[in-house]
Amino acid sequence: MAKKSKKTATKKTSTPSRRAVIVGGIRTPFVKAFTDFTKLDTIDLGVAAVKGLLKQTGISRKDIEGIVWGSVIIPSHAPNVGREIALDLKMFDVEAHTVSRACASGIQAVTSAVAAIERGDADIMIAGGSDSTSNAEIKLPQKVVHALAPLAFGKPKTSDYFGVLSQLMPIHEIIPQRPKIAERTTGQVMGESAEDMARRNQIERYDQDEFTVRSHHRAAAAIESGRFDKEVTPIEVSPGHWVHTDKLVRGNTTHEKLSKLRPVFAKDGTLTAGNSSPLTDGASAVLLMSEEKAKAMGLTPLAAFRSWSYVGVDPSDQLLMGPVIAMPKAMSRLGLQLSDVDLIDIHEAFAAQVLSVLKMLGSDSFARERLGQDKAFGEIDPIDINVHGGSIAIGHPFAATGARMVTTMANELHIQDKEVALLGLCAAGGIGAALVMERV
């Protein structure tokens, strides 16, 4: 019997027969943790973003078929944040699930929804993400949990709890632990890893602060010009108390002011509270449709999605370098070069991290060692990225950032009549993500 020949797998570089498009996006204002949104948890923020999105686009809740939601700080009492958002909005028939890929969770939500639409599972979906650092849960040490767990299944007296706790010593091992954004495998907090990247890639403090000033000035200009008006929905946090705009952007910051800040992750370091993204509360949501459905409903598609890539790197070896691998990979699948890109948006976890990524993207030796390429992906001037600033200025609610970037780039492609946008994100765990968008 003759053997059947195997089909050769080919890369998908053409436009899918059924294309998903973004027709709108909205986000809450981004505010510093433990300020205006302290009493709003991640579900509340997600509800506000989705509600604002429906109002902006005029879409009925009955038309939504599914929600994919990103979350990093997941509440233990309601781990499926996406479904809780749907329920709070009385969208009982809407399928919803939650994804988590650290700071790339928002992008993961978007690409998951895009894949579902292009596969034919749905015509209209919402994707986004939210996080409330203000409501991160305080964790009890496992030593305490294991000791108290048996009591939870009976009807213990208060004295029973104190009796068990009194036997647990020393005291520093049983007090509640504050959340710490550290790598489980290395023990380093992200800022320490970024310091390592700054040293290794010779990124100077002056350049980090210069990048930071530009991010703030561009974000402030976008706010002042009204550019963000249709991307941000106001929130009433208490009767008569509304938050209309981002609260972290400092349009009056200067290089001189930033230079006075002390390093926060190492005594001899270059990373400060100024050139690092702040702990933030907020949510972002985008409306995705099949192109045919959008046109049938009289809606204007803004952008479509050509390619994406997720990669992993060793967290002990430049934790936040993932975009250096993911961005060229997403582009190579389309046969595109850096010269084909009109807009570039890179998540700003730290100025040092962005500048390190740009330096590696322009390095021939890095391309040979890590990408298997003879030449570098290409040199990118920091001035040419993040046209309206980024996470350092606007803020970074972990799971909301990806959807924010998608919304801004979709609008920018449409407004500027540009063709291609390239997005890059780093994430905890040594994750890198990239997304290629095109104007419709």
Protein backbone atom coordinates (compact mmCIF):
# COMPACT_ATOMS: atom_id res chain seq x y z
CA MET A 1 0.00 0.00 0.00
CA ALA A 2 1.40 3.35 -1.00
CA LYS A 3 2.01 5.77 1.80
CA LYS A 4 -0.07 8.94 1.83
CA SER A 5 1.99 12.02 1.35
CA LYS A 6 1.91 14.54 4.13
CA LYS A 7 0.73 18.02 3.36
CA THR A 8 3.36 20.66 3.82
CA ALA A 9 2.31 23.21 6.40
CA THR A 10 2.35 26.75 5.06
CA LYS A 11 2.48 29.94 7.00
CA LYS A 12 -0.65 32.03 6.95
CA THR A 13 0.45 35.36 5.53
CA SER A 14 -2.64 36.40 3.57
CA THR A 15 -5.78 38.10 4.79
CA PRO A 16 -8.13 35.54 6.37
CA SER A 17 -11.34 34.86 4.47
CA ARG A 18 -13.22 36.02 7.55
CA ARG A 19 -11.52 39.05 9.06
CA ALA A 20 -11.97 40.44 12.56
CA VAL A 21 -11.89 44.22 12.91
CA ILE A 22 -11.92 46.68 15.76
CA VAL A 23 -14.74 49.22 15.57
CA GLY A 24 -14.22 51.00 18.87
CA GLY A 25 -12.38 51.10 22.14
CA ILE A 26 -12.77 52.84 25.46
CA ARG A 27 -11.06 52.90 28.82
CA THR A 28 -11.55 54.36 32.23
CA PRO A 29 -9.21 57.12 33.29
CA PHE A 30 -6.02 55.59 34.67
CA VAL A 31 -5.32 56.72 38.23
CA LYS A 32 -2.68 56.08 40.85
CA ALA A 33 -3.45 53.15 43.12
CA PHE A 34 -5.05 54.00 46.48
CA THR A 35 -6.54 57.27 45.24
CA ASP A 36 -9.78 57.91 43.34
CA PHE A 37 -10.61 54.28 42.50
CA THR A 38 -9.71 52.66 45.81
CA LYS A 39 -13.30 51.58 46.47
CA LEU A 40 -13.74 50.18 42.94
CA ASP A 41 -12.47 46.64 42.44
CA THR A 42 -11.38 45.12 39.13
CA ILE A 43 -14.96 44.01 38.34
CA ASP A 44 -16.34 47.50 38.96
CA LEU A 45 -13.71 49.00 36.70
CA GLY A 46 -14.40 46.44 33.99
CA VAL A 47 -18.14 47.15 34.19
CA ALA A 48 -17.45 50.87 33.76
CA ALA A 49 -15.27 50.28 30.69
CA VAL A 50 -17.70 47.91 28.99
CA LYS A 51 -20.64 50.18 29.76
CA GLY A 52 -18.74 53.10 28.25
CA LEU A 53 -17.88 51.04 25.18
CA LEU A 54 -21.51 50.10 24.56
CA LYS A 55 -22.55 53.73 24.91
CA GLN A 56 -19.80 54.93 22.58
CA THR A 57 -20.57 52.45 19.81
CA GLY A 58 -24.34 52.32 20.23
CA ILE A 59 -24.29 48.52 20.30
CA SER A 60 -27.05 46.77 22.20
CA ARG A 61 -26.04 44.43 25.00
CA LYS A 62 -28.16 41.79 23.28
CA ASP A 63 -25.83 41.86 20.27
CA ILE A 64 -22.74 40.84 22.26
CA GLU A 65 -21.96 37.14 21.92
CA GLY A 66 -18.89 36.81 24.09
CA ILE A 67 -16.45 38.59 26.38
CA VAL A 68 -12.78 37.73 26.79
CA TRP A 69 -11.28 39.59 29.73
CA GLY A 70 -7.73 39.91 30.97
CA SER A 71 -6.88 39.98 34.65
CA VAL A 72 -3.67 39.80 36.66
CA ILE A 73 -4.73 40.61 40.22
CA ILE A 74 -7.57 38.11 40.25
CA PRO A 75 -10.05 38.28 43.17
CA SER A 76 -10.26 34.95 44.96
CA HIS A 77 -14.04 35.20 45.42
CA ALA A 78 -14.68 35.76 41.69
CA PRO A 79 -11.82 34.41 39.54
CA ASN A 80 -13.77 34.60 36.26
CA VAL A 81 -13.77 38.39 36.11
CA GLY A 82 -15.15 38.49 32.57
CA ARG A 83 -18.26 36.57 33.51
CA GLU A 84 -18.81 38.73 36.59
CA ILE A 85 -18.73 41.83 34.38
CA ALA A 86 -21.33 40.29 32.09
CA LEU A 87 -23.55 39.39 35.04
CA ASP A 88 -23.32 42.86 36.59
CA LEU A 89 -24.44 44.30 33.25
CA LYS A 90 -27.38 41.84 33.09
CA MET A 91 -25.82 40.19 30.03
CA PHE A 92 -26.81 36.76 31.29
CA ASP A 93 -26.67 35.00 27.92
CA VAL A 94 -23.19 36.27 27.06
CA GLU A 95 -20.41 33.69 27.23
CA ALA A 96 -17.45 35.17 29.07
CA HIS A 97 -14.11 33.93 30.28
CA THR A 98 -10.94 35.34 31.77
CA VAL A 99 -7.35 35.05 30.58
CA SER A 100 -4.13 35.84 32.41
CA ARG A 101 -0.72 36.38 30.79
CA ALA A 102 0.70 38.93 33.24
CA CYS A 103 1.08 42.36 31.61
CA ALA A 104 0.21 40.85 28.22
CA SER A 105 -3.24 39.76 29.45
CA GLY A 106 -5.04 42.56 27.60
CA ILE A 107 -3.39 41.62 24.31
CA GLN A 108 -4.15 37.97 25.00
CA ALA A 109 -7.84 38.84 25.46
CA VAL A 110 -7.87 40.71 22.16
CA THR A 111 -6.11 38.01 20.13
CA SER A 112 -8.28 35.29 21.67
CA ALA A 113 -11.42 37.17 20.62
CA VAL A 114 -9.99 37.86 17.16
CA ALA A 115 -9.22 34.16 16.69
CA ALA A 116 -12.74 33.21 17.77
CA ILE A 117 -14.32 35.63 15.28
CA GLU A 118 -12.07 34.60 12.40
CA ARG A 119 -12.78 30.96 13.20
CA GLY A 120 -16.51 31.67 12.94
CA ASP A 121 -17.41 31.15 16.60
CA ALA A 122 -18.96 34.61 16.93
CA ASP A 123 -19.60 37.85 15.06
CA ILE A 124 -19.47 40.39 17.88
CA MET A 125 -17.21 40.20 20.93
CA ILE A 126 -15.76 42.44 23.58
CA ALA A 127 -12.17 42.02 24.75
CA GLY A 128 -10.26 43.94 27.36
CA GLY A 129 -8.78 43.87 30.80
CA SER A 130 -8.79 45.52 34.20
CA ASP A 131 -6.80 45.56 37.40
CA SER A 132 -7.17 47.24 40.76
CA THR A 133 -3.86 47.33 42.56
CA SER A 134 -5.70 49.08 45.38
CA ASN A 135 -7.67 45.90 46.00
CA ALA A 136 -4.88 43.36 45.81
CA GLU A 137 -5.59 40.78 48.50
CA ILE A 138 -3.39 40.49 51.55
CA LYS A 139 -2.08 36.95 51.75
CA LEU A 140 -1.75 34.88 54.90
CA PRO A 141 1.39 32.75 55.11
CA GLN A 142 0.71 29.13 54.18
CA LYS A 143 1.88 28.12 57.65
CA VAL A 144 -1.15 29.95 59.06
CA VAL A 145 -3.52 28.70 56.36
CA HIS A 146 -2.59 25.08 57.03
CA ALA A 147 -3.03 25.52 60.76
CA LEU A 148 -6.41 27.25 60.53
CA ALA A 149 -7.90 25.25 57.66
CA PRO A 150 -9.30 22.42 59.84
CA LEU A 151 -11.22 24.99 61.91
CA ALA A 152 -12.94 26.37 58.85
CA PHE A 153 -15.00 23.20 58.41
CA GLY A 154 -16.48 23.16 61.89
CA LYS A 155 -18.08 25.70 64.18
CA PRO A 156 -15.09 27.00 66.09
CA LYS A 157 -15.15 29.69 68.75
CA THR A 158 -13.06 32.81 68.41
CA SER A 159 -10.83 31.51 71.16
CA ASP A 160 -10.05 28.44 69.03
CA TYR A 161 -8.47 30.66 66.36
CA PHE A 162 -6.41 32.57 68.88
CA GLY A 163 -5.37 29.29 70.47
CA VAL A 164 -3.98 27.99 67.20
CA LEU A 165 -2.28 31.30 66.33
CA SER A 166 -0.63 31.48 69.75
CA GLN A 167 1.19 28.24 68.98
CA LEU A 168 2.60 29.57 65.71
CA MET A 169 5.91 31.31 66.17
CA PRO A 170 8.00 33.31 65.42
CA ILE A 171 5.57 36.18 64.89
CA HIS A 172 7.16 37.47 61.67
CA GLU A 173 6.28 34.17 60.01
CA ILE A 174 2.57 34.43 60.67
CA ILE A 175 1.69 38.07 60.04
CA PRO A 176 -0.14 38.88 56.74
CA GLN A 177 2.15 39.49 53.80
CA ARG A 178 1.83 42.47 51.51
CA PRO A 179 1.67 41.68 47.80
CA LYS A 180 5.07 41.70 46.12
CA ILE A 181 5.58 41.86 42.38
CA ALA A 182 8.49 39.43 42.31
CA GLU A 183 9.45 36.54 40.07
CA ARG A 184 8.78 33.19 41.70
CA THR A 185 11.80 31.64 39.96
CA THR A 186 14.36 34.36 40.70
CA GLY A 187 12.95 36.27 43.67
CA GLN A 188 13.69 39.55 41.92
CA VAL A 189 11.10 42.30 41.72
CA MET A 190 10.66 43.59 38.19
CA GLY A 191 12.52 46.82 38.86
CA GLU A 192 15.60 44.87 39.95
CA SER A 193 15.48 42.93 36.69
CA ALA A 194 15.15 46.17 34.76
CA GLU A 195 18.21 47.52 36.62
CA ASP A 196 20.14 44.48 35.44
CA MET A 197 19.02 45.20 31.88
CA ALA A 198 20.09 48.84 32.17
CA ARG A 199 23.58 47.82 33.30
CA ARG A 200 23.94 45.07 30.75
CA ASN A 201 22.79 47.22 27.83
CA GLN A 202 24.55 50.37 29.07
CA ILE A 203 21.40 52.45 29.30
CA GLU A 204 22.27 55.73 31.01
CA ARG A 205 20.10 57.50 33.58
CA TYR A 206 20.03 60.64 31.41
CA ASP A 207 18.51 58.75 28.48
CA GLN A 208 15.92 57.10 30.73
CA ASP A 209 14.81 60.45 32.10
CA GLU A 210 14.75 62.00 28.64
CA PHE A 211 12.49 59.18 27.46
CA THR A 212 10.25 59.72 30.50
CA VAL A 213 9.87 63.45 29.89
CA ARG A 214 8.85 62.78 26.29
CA SER A 215 6.26 60.20 27.38
CA HIS A 216 4.65 62.66 29.80
CA HIS A 217 4.73 65.57 27.38
CA ARG A 218 3.17 63.52 24.59
CA ALA A 219 0.44 62.13 26.83
CA ALA A 220 -0.28 65.63 28.16
CA ALA A 221 -0.50 66.97 24.61
CA ALA A 222 -2.93 64.19 23.67
CA ILE A 223 -5.14 65.08 26.63
CA GLU A 224 -4.94 68.81 25.98
CA SER A 225 -5.78 68.44 22.28
CA GLY A 226 -8.78 66.24 22.99
CA ARG A 227 -7.12 63.28 21.29
CA PHE A 228 -8.01 60.97 24.20
CA ASP A 229 -11.56 62.26 24.64
CA LYS A 230 -13.16 59.45 22.68
CA GLU A 231 -10.91 56.84 24.28
CA VAL A 232 -11.68 57.68 27.92
CA THR A 233 -15.06 57.39 29.63
CA PRO A 234 -15.66 59.39 32.84
CA ILE A 235 -16.50 57.51 36.03
CA GLU A 236 -18.63 58.67 38.95
CA VAL A 237 -16.80 57.24 41.94
CA SER A 238 -19.22 58.68 44.49
CA PRO A 239 -22.28 60.96 44.29
CA GLY A 240 -21.17 64.08 42.46
CA HIS A 241 -17.51 63.02 42.32
CA TRP A 242 -16.46 62.28 38.74
CA VAL A 243 -13.07 61.35 37.33
CA HIS A 244 -12.86 62.48 33.71
CA THR A 245 -9.24 62.08 32.73
CA ASP A 246 -5.96 60.34 33.55
CA LYS A 247 -4.46 61.48 36.84
CA LEU A 248 -0.84 60.37 36.47
CA VAL A 249 0.26 62.45 33.47
CA ARG A 250 2.61 65.30 34.39
CA GLY A 251 2.82 67.70 31.49
CA ASN A 252 5.09 70.03 33.47
CA THR A 253 7.76 67.47 34.31
CA THR A 254 11.30 68.25 33.28
CA HIS A 255 14.62 66.51 33.03
CA GLU A 256 15.83 68.62 35.94
CA LYS A 257 12.98 67.48 38.20
CA LEU A 258 13.51 63.82 37.33
CA SER A 259 17.25 64.04 37.91
CA LYS A 260 16.62 64.81 41.60
CA LEU A 261 14.83 61.52 42.25
CA ARG A 262 16.72 58.77 44.03
CA PRO A 263 17.13 55.23 42.64
CA VAL A 264 14.58 52.86 44.15
CA PHE A 265 15.78 49.37 43.20
CA ALA A 266 19.54 49.66 43.83
CA LYS A 267 21.68 52.18 45.69
CA ASP A 268 23.86 52.74 42.64
CA GLY A 269 20.99 52.20 40.19
CA THR A 270 19.41 54.37 37.52
CA LEU A 271 15.73 53.45 37.89
CA THR A 272 13.57 55.87 39.87
CA ALA A 273 9.90 56.29 40.65
CA GLY A 274 9.90 58.82 37.83
CA ASN A 275 11.21 56.66 34.98
CA SER A 276 9.20 53.59 36.03
CA SER A 277 5.51 52.92 35.43
CA PRO A 278 3.39 53.57 38.54
CA LEU A 279 0.99 51.21 40.31
CA THR A 280 -2.33 51.98 38.66
CA ASP A 281 -6.05 51.20 38.73
CA GLY A 282 -8.08 51.11 35.51
CA ALA A 283 -9.78 49.14 32.74
CA SER A 284 -9.86 49.06 28.93
CA ALA A 285 -12.27 47.42 26.48
CA VAL A 286 -12.49 47.06 22.71
CA LEU A 287 -15.36 46.03 20.44
CA LEU A 288 -14.43 43.43 17.83
CA MET A 289 -16.57 42.21 14.94
CA SER A 290 -16.36 40.27 11.75
CA GLU A 291 -15.83 42.80 8.99
CA GLU A 292 -19.03 41.75 7.26
CA LYS A 293 -21.07 42.26 10.43
CA ALA A 294 -19.58 45.69 11.07
CA LYS A 295 -20.44 46.87 7.59
CA ALA A 296 -23.94 45.37 7.79
CA MET A 297 -24.54 47.37 10.98
CA GLY A 298 -23.27 50.57 9.39
CA LEU A 299 -20.17 50.75 11.60
CA THR A 300 -16.77 51.89 10.41
CA PRO A 301 -13.97 49.35 10.91
CA LEU A 302 -10.82 51.04 12.17
CA ALA A 303 -8.22 48.31 11.94
CA ALA A 304 -7.70 44.59 11.48
CA PHE A 305 -5.15 42.16 12.89
CA ARG A 306 -2.51 40.65 10.64
CA SER A 307 -0.28 38.68 12.98
CA TRP A 308 0.74 38.18 16.60
CA SER A 309 3.38 36.36 18.54
CA TYR A 310 3.94 35.24 22.13
CA VAL A 311 7.36 34.09 23.28
CA GLY A 312 9.13 33.11 26.48
CA VAL A 313 12.64 33.88 27.71
CA ASP A 314 14.62 32.84 30.75
CA PRO A 315 13.53 35.20 33.59
CA SER A 316 17.09 35.21 34.91
CA ASP A 317 18.42 36.45 31.56
CA GLN A 318 16.94 39.90 30.87
CA LEU A 319 13.41 39.27 32.11
CA LEU A 320 11.77 42.00 30.00
CA MET A 321 13.50 41.37 26.66
CA GLY A 322 10.63 39.29 25.22
CA PRO A 323 9.46 41.94 22.71
CA VAL A 324 12.88 41.77 21.01
CA ILE A 325 12.01 38.24 19.92
CA ALA A 326 8.23 38.56 19.57
CA MET A 327 8.19 41.66 17.37
CA PRO A 328 10.48 40.32 14.58
CA LYS A 329 8.67 36.97 14.78
CA ALA A 330 5.24 38.53 14.24
CA MET A 331 6.59 40.56 11.32
CA SER A 332 8.46 37.69 9.68
CA ARG A 333 5.26 35.65 9.49
CA LEU A 334 3.95 38.32 7.14
CA GLY A 335 7.14 38.80 5.18
CA LEU A 336 7.30 42.40 6.41
CA GLN A 337 10.33 44.49 7.32
CA LEU A 338 10.72 47.34 9.78
CA SER A 339 10.51 49.75 6.85
CA ASP A 340 6.92 48.58 6.27
CA VAL A 341 5.79 49.83 9.70
CA ASP A 342 4.23 53.28 10.13
CA LEU A 343 3.52 53.29 13.87
CA ILE A 344 5.27 51.53 16.75
CA ASP A 345 3.89 51.29 20.29
CA ILE A 346 5.92 49.59 23.01
CA HIS A 347 4.71 49.08 26.56
CA GLU A 348 6.71 51.22 28.98
CA ALA A 349 7.19 49.17 32.11
CA PHE A 350 10.43 51.11 32.64
CA ALA A 351 12.28 53.55 30.43
CA ALA A 352 15.34 51.32 30.84
CA GLN A 353 13.41 48.32 29.55
CA VAL A 354 12.15 50.13 26.42
CA LEU A 355 15.58 51.53 25.60
CA SER A 356 17.13 48.10 26.13
CA VAL A 357 14.59 46.55 23.77
CA LEU A 358 15.32 49.16 21.10
CA LYS A 359 19.06 48.64 21.48
CA MET A 360 18.74 44.87 21.06
CA LEU A 361 16.43 45.26 18.06
CA GLY A 362 19.21 47.23 16.37
CA SER A 363 22.00 44.80 17.28
CA ASP A 364 23.43 42.50 14.61
CA SER A 365 25.12 40.31 17.23
CA PHE A 366 21.87 39.86 19.14
CA ALA A 367 20.08 38.97 15.90
CA ARG A 368 22.65 36.27 15.17
CA GLU A 369 22.69 34.87 18.70
CA ARG A 370 18.98 34.94 19.56
CA LEU A 371 17.00 35.33 16.33
CA GLY A 372 19.09 33.23 13.96
CA GLN A 373 19.28 36.19 11.60
CA ASP A 374 22.31 37.66 9.88
CA LYS A 375 21.18 41.24 10.41
CA ALA A 376 19.32 43.11 13.11
CA PHE A 377 15.60 43.74 12.88
CA GLY A 378 16.46 47.42 12.60
CA GLU A 379 17.42 50.54 14.48
CA ILE A 380 14.49 52.47 15.96
CA ASP A 381 14.87 55.98 17.30
CA PRO A 382 13.07 56.34 20.66
CA ILE A 383 11.49 59.50 19.26
CA ASP A 384 9.65 57.42 16.67
CA ILE A 385 7.64 55.27 19.09
CA ASN A 386 4.65 55.84 21.38
CA VAL A 387 3.22 58.90 19.63
CA HIS A 388 0.94 59.72 22.58
CA GLY A 389 3.19 58.57 25.39
CA GLY A 390 2.91 55.27 27.19
CA SER A 391 2.60 53.46 30.49
CA ILE A 392 5.20 55.54 32.35
CA ALA A 393 3.03 58.64 31.90
CA ILE A 394 -0.49 57.27 31.46
CA GLY A 395 -0.22 54.46 33.99
CA HIS A 396 -0.23 50.68 33.87
CA PRO A 397 -3.21 48.72 35.26
CA PHE A 398 -1.55 45.44 34.32
CA ALA A 399 -4.26 43.69 32.30
CA ALA A 400 -5.70 46.91 30.84
CA THR A 401 -2.58 48.17 29.07
CA GLY A 402 -2.75 45.88 26.03
CA ALA A 403 -6.32 46.89 25.17
CA ARG A 404 -5.38 50.55 25.68
CA MET A 405 -2.56 50.20 23.18
CA VAL A 406 -4.80 48.45 20.65
CA THR A 407 -7.42 51.20 20.89
CA THR A 408 -4.91 54.02 20.49
CA MET A 409 -3.17 52.38 17.54
CA ALA A 410 -6.46 51.55 15.80
CA ASN A 411 -7.58 55.16 16.11
CA GLU A 412 -4.19 56.47 15.04
CA LEU A 413 -4.08 54.30 11.92
CA HIS A 414 -7.51 55.61 11.01
CA ILE A 415 -6.86 59.28 11.83
CA GLN A 416 -3.43 59.48 10.19
CA ASP A 417 -4.40 57.24 7.28
CA LYS A 418 -1.41 55.01 8.01
CA GLU A 419 -1.15 51.36 7.01
CA VAL A 420 0.68 49.24 9.59
CA ALA A 421 1.20 49.43 13.36
CA LEU A 422 3.50 47.20 15.42
CA LEU A 423 2.90 46.69 19.14
CA GLY A 424 5.29 45.13 21.64
CA LEU A 425 4.84 44.20 25.30
CA CYS A 426 7.00 42.64 27.98
CA ALA A 427 5.45 40.71 30.88
CA ALA A 428 6.37 38.96 34.10
CA GLY A 429 7.64 35.42 33.82
CA GLY A 430 9.84 36.29 30.85
CA ILE A 431 6.93 36.69 28.44
CA GLY A 432 7.04 38.78 25.28
CA ALA A 433 4.12 39.67 23.04
CA ALA A 434 3.76 41.44 19.69
CA LEU A 435 0.82 42.35 17.50
CA VAL A 436 0.67 43.65 13.93
CA MET A 437 -2.36 45.76 13.02
CA GLU A 438 -3.40 47.25 9.70
CA ARG A 439 -5.80 50.01 8.73
CA VAL A 440 -9.04 48.83 7.14
